[in-house]
């Protein structure tokens, strides 16, 4: 019986890594060993980045809400506390959209939060 060699599987595996490394600088896109290291590291960065994206967006939303609150004479923490006491359940993403695009609507929310705190 003939011996089966792993040339095809090896070539496919190498080409898969080199395809993922396409566009990398220098030997990282041409040489298998360095390409493999670069692809593994880029995978780690991508994994971390997917988690950081959530943090960064929440931070952005809070900054926008805070800016809207300052224009209405409040700070962020008292505004959020007032909304909770007024039973207004809007997430930070929606609050930031309102603060950025509808100043009058956000002013109404600020007034409701102020009333709930009294």
C-alpha atoms as a PDB file:
ATOM      1  CA  UNK A   1       0.000   0.000   0.000  1.00  0.00           C
ATOM      2  CA  UNK A   2       1.302   3.445  -0.930  1.00  0.00           C
ATOM      3  CA  UNK A   3       2.305   5.898   1.775  1.00  0.00           C
ATOM      4  CA  UNK A   4       0.122   9.012   1.977  1.00  0.00           C
ATOM      5  CA  UNK A   5       2.035  12.233   2.298  1.00  0.00           C
ATOM      6  CA  UNK A   6       0.638  15.391   3.879  1.00  0.00           C
ATOM      7  CA  UNK A   7       1.737  17.818   1.180  1.00  0.00           C
ATOM      8  CA  UNK A   8      -1.753  18.904   0.147  1.00  0.00           C
ATOM      9  CA  UNK A   9      -2.975  19.484   3.681  1.00  0.00           C
ATOM     10  CA  UNK A  10       0.211  21.372   4.580  1.00  0.00           C
ATOM     11  CA  UNK A  11      -0.022  23.577   1.494  1.00  0.00           C
ATOM     12  CA  UNK A  12      -3.691  24.348   2.169  1.00  0.00           C
ATOM     13  CA  UNK A  13      -2.962  25.229   5.788  1.00  0.00           C
ATOM     14  CA  UNK A  14      -0.092  27.503   4.776  1.00  0.00           C
ATOM     15  CA  UNK A  15      -2.087  29.197   2.034  1.00  0.00           C
ATOM     16  CA  UNK A  16      -4.949  29.808   4.453  1.00  0.00           C
ATOM     17  CA  UNK A  17      -2.607  31.637   6.842  1.00  0.00           C
ATOM     18  CA  UNK A  18      -0.922  33.577   4.024  1.00  0.00           C
ATOM     19  CA  UNK A  19      -4.325  34.627   2.678  1.00  0.00           C
ATOM     20  CA  UNK A  20      -5.235  36.007   6.121  1.00  0.00           C
ATOM     21  CA  UNK A  21      -1.892  37.852   6.226  1.00  0.00           C
ATOM     22  CA  UNK A  22      -2.424  39.480   2.824  1.00  0.00           C
ATOM     23  CA  UNK A  23      -1.648  43.191   2.994  1.00  0.00           C
ATOM     24  CA  UNK A  24       0.680  42.915   5.966  1.00  0.00           C
ATOM     25  CA  UNK A  25       4.013  44.726   5.705  1.00  0.00           C
ATOM     26  CA  UNK A  26       7.189  42.985   4.552  1.00  0.00           C
ATOM     27  CA  UNK A  27       7.825  39.351   5.327  1.00  0.00           C
ATOM     28  CA  UNK A  28       4.672  39.100   7.413  1.00  0.00           C
ATOM     29  CA  UNK A  29       2.686  38.673   4.212  1.00  0.00           C
ATOM     30  CA  UNK A  30       5.197  36.415   2.398  1.00  0.00           C
ATOM     31  CA  UNK A  31       6.888  34.135   4.936  1.00  0.00           C
ATOM     32  CA  UNK A  32       4.775  31.466   6.599  1.00  0.00           C
ATOM     33  CA  UNK A  33       6.400  31.539  10.032  1.00  0.00           C
ATOM     34  CA  UNK A  34       6.173  35.307  10.508  1.00  0.00           C
ATOM     35  CA  UNK A  35       2.752  35.406   8.824  1.00  0.00           C
ATOM     36  CA  UNK A  36       1.438  32.836  11.288  1.00  0.00           C
ATOM     37  CA  UNK A  37       2.674  34.903  14.240  1.00  0.00           C
ATOM     38  CA  UNK A  38       1.174  38.090  12.785  1.00  0.00           C
ATOM     39  CA  UNK A  39      -2.189  36.408  12.104  1.00  0.00           C
ATOM     40  CA  UNK A  40      -2.344  34.993  15.647  1.00  0.00           C
ATOM     41  CA  UNK A  41      -1.532  38.400  17.128  1.00  0.00           C
ATOM     42  CA  UNK A  42      -4.067  40.156  14.894  1.00  0.00           C
ATOM     43  CA  UNK A  43      -6.673  37.644  16.041  1.00  0.00           C
ATOM     44  CA  UNK A  44      -5.925  38.568  19.646  1.00  0.00           C
ATOM     45  CA  UNK A  45      -6.221  42.267  18.846  1.00  0.00           C
ATOM     46  CA  UNK A  46      -9.526  41.652  17.059  1.00  0.00           C
ATOM     47  CA  UNK A  47     -10.890  39.697  20.043  1.00  0.00           C
ATOM     48  CA  UNK A  48      -9.864  42.443  22.466  1.00  0.00           C
ATOM     49  CA  UNK A  49     -11.177  45.129  20.099  1.00  0.00           C
ATOM     50  CA  UNK A  50     -14.650  43.601  19.981  1.00  0.00           C
ATOM     51  CA  UNK A  51     -14.876  44.005  23.745  1.00  0.00           C
ATOM     52  CA  UNK A  52     -13.334  47.480  23.791  1.00  0.00           C
ATOM     53  CA  UNK A  53     -15.836  48.671  21.182  1.00  0.00           C
ATOM     54  CA  UNK A  54     -18.686  48.145  23.642  1.00  0.00           C
ATOM     55  CA  UNK A  55     -16.847  50.141  26.330  1.00  0.00           C
ATOM     56  CA  UNK A  56     -15.985  52.944  23.924  1.00  0.00           C
ATOM     57  CA  UNK A  57     -19.558  53.355  22.709  1.00  0.00           C
ATOM     58  CA  UNK A  58     -20.930  53.436  26.256  1.00  0.00           C
ATOM     59  CA  UNK A  59     -18.315  56.080  27.111  1.00  0.00           C
ATOM     60  CA  UNK A  60     -19.360  58.132  24.067  1.00  0.00           C
ATOM     61  CA  UNK A  61     -23.050  57.905  24.975  1.00  0.00           C
ATOM     62  CA  UNK A  62     -22.382  59.008  28.551  1.00  0.00           C
ATOM     63  CA  UNK A  63     -20.287  61.957  27.318  1.00  0.00           C
ATOM     64  CA  UNK A  64     -23.114  63.090  25.019  1.00  0.00           C
ATOM     65  CA  UNK A  65     -25.715  62.762  27.771  1.00  0.00           C
ATOM     66  CA  UNK A  66     -23.465  64.655  30.169  1.00  0.00           C
ATOM     67  CA  UNK A  67     -23.042  67.508  27.672  1.00  0.00           C
ATOM     68  CA  UNK A  68     -26.827  67.706  27.238  1.00  0.00           C
ATOM     69  CA  UNK A  69     -27.318  67.731  31.005  1.00  0.00           C
ATOM     70  CA  UNK A  70     -24.809  70.549  31.485  1.00  0.00           C
ATOM     71  CA  UNK A  71     -26.766  72.679  28.983  1.00  0.00           C
ATOM     72  CA  UNK A  72     -29.869  72.134  31.136  1.00  0.00           C
ATOM     73  CA  UNK A  73     -28.169  72.915  34.441  1.00  0.00           C
ATOM     74  CA  UNK A  74     -27.684  69.370  35.734  1.00  0.00           C
ATOM     75  CA  UNK A  75     -24.914  66.879  35.946  1.00  0.00           C
ATOM     76  CA  UNK A  76     -24.990  63.336  34.584  1.00  0.00           C
ATOM     77  CA  UNK A  77     -25.358  61.420  37.841  1.00  0.00           C
ATOM     78  CA  UNK A  78     -28.278  63.473  39.161  1.00  0.00           C
ATOM     79  CA  UNK A  79     -29.966  63.251  35.753  1.00  0.00           C
ATOM     80  CA  UNK A  80     -29.741  59.439  35.683  1.00  0.00           C
ATOM     81  CA  UNK A  81     -30.889  59.256  39.318  1.00  0.00           C
ATOM     82  CA  UNK A  82     -33.841  61.532  38.512  1.00  0.00           C
ATOM     83  CA  UNK A  83     -34.850  59.423  35.509  1.00  0.00           C
ATOM     84  CA  UNK A  84     -34.806  56.278  37.643  1.00  0.00           C
ATOM     85  CA  UNK A  85     -36.986  57.920  40.298  1.00  0.00           C
ATOM     86  CA  UNK A  86     -39.351  59.213  37.586  1.00  0.00           C
ATOM     87  CA  UNK A  87     -39.642  55.656  36.191  1.00  0.00           C
ATOM     88  CA  UNK A  88     -38.324  56.687  32.768  1.00  0.00           C
ATOM     89  CA  UNK A  89     -36.570  53.648  31.339  1.00  0.00           C
ATOM     90  CA  UNK A  90     -34.459  54.761  28.397  1.00  0.00           C
ATOM     91  CA  UNK A  91     -31.075  53.232  27.725  1.00  0.00           C
ATOM     92  CA  UNK A  92     -27.986  55.389  27.353  1.00  0.00           C
ATOM     93  CA  UNK A  93     -27.832  54.903  23.583  1.00  0.00           C
ATOM     94  CA  UNK A  94     -31.309  56.377  23.108  1.00  0.00           C
ATOM     95  CA  UNK A  95     -30.660  59.158  25.630  1.00  0.00           C
ATOM     96  CA  UNK A  96     -27.502  60.152  23.739  1.00  0.00           C
ATOM     97  CA  UNK A  97     -29.404  60.231  20.432  1.00  0.00           C
ATOM     98  CA  UNK A  98     -32.052  62.475  21.987  1.00  0.00           C
ATOM     99  CA  UNK A  99     -29.371  64.725  23.506  1.00  0.00           C
ATOM    100  CA  UNK A 100     -27.540  65.058  20.190  1.00  0.00           C
ATOM    101  CA  UNK A 101     -30.521  65.445  17.829  1.00  0.00           C
ATOM    102  CA  UNK A 102     -33.480  66.755  19.847  1.00  0.00           C
ATOM    103  CA  UNK A 103     -32.461  69.422  22.366  1.00  0.00           C
ATOM    104  CA  UNK A 104     -36.081  70.336  23.212  1.00  0.00           C
ATOM    105  CA  UNK A 105     -36.987  66.720  23.941  1.00  0.00           C
ATOM    106  CA  UNK A 106     -33.912  66.312  26.119  1.00  0.00           C
ATOM    107  CA  UNK A 107     -34.818  69.488  28.034  1.00  0.00           C
ATOM    108  CA  UNK A 108     -38.212  67.935  28.814  1.00  0.00           C
ATOM    109  CA  UNK A 109     -36.474  64.809  30.136  1.00  0.00           C
ATOM    110  CA  UNK A 110     -34.226  66.992  32.306  1.00  0.00           C
ATOM    111  CA  UNK A 111     -37.258  68.779  33.746  1.00  0.00           C
ATOM    112  CA  UNK A 112     -38.944  65.443  34.569  1.00  0.00           C
ATOM    113  CA  UNK A 113     -35.751  64.256  36.263  1.00  0.00           C
ATOM    114  CA  UNK A 114     -35.564  67.488  38.303  1.00  0.00           C
ATOM    115  CA  UNK A 115     -39.203  67.120  39.396  1.00  0.00           C
ATOM    116  CA  UNK A 116     -38.638  63.509  40.481  1.00  0.00           C
ATOM    117  CA  UNK A 117     -35.718  64.569  42.684  1.00  0.00           C
ATOM    118  CA  UNK A 118     -37.771  67.145  44.632  1.00  0.00           C
END
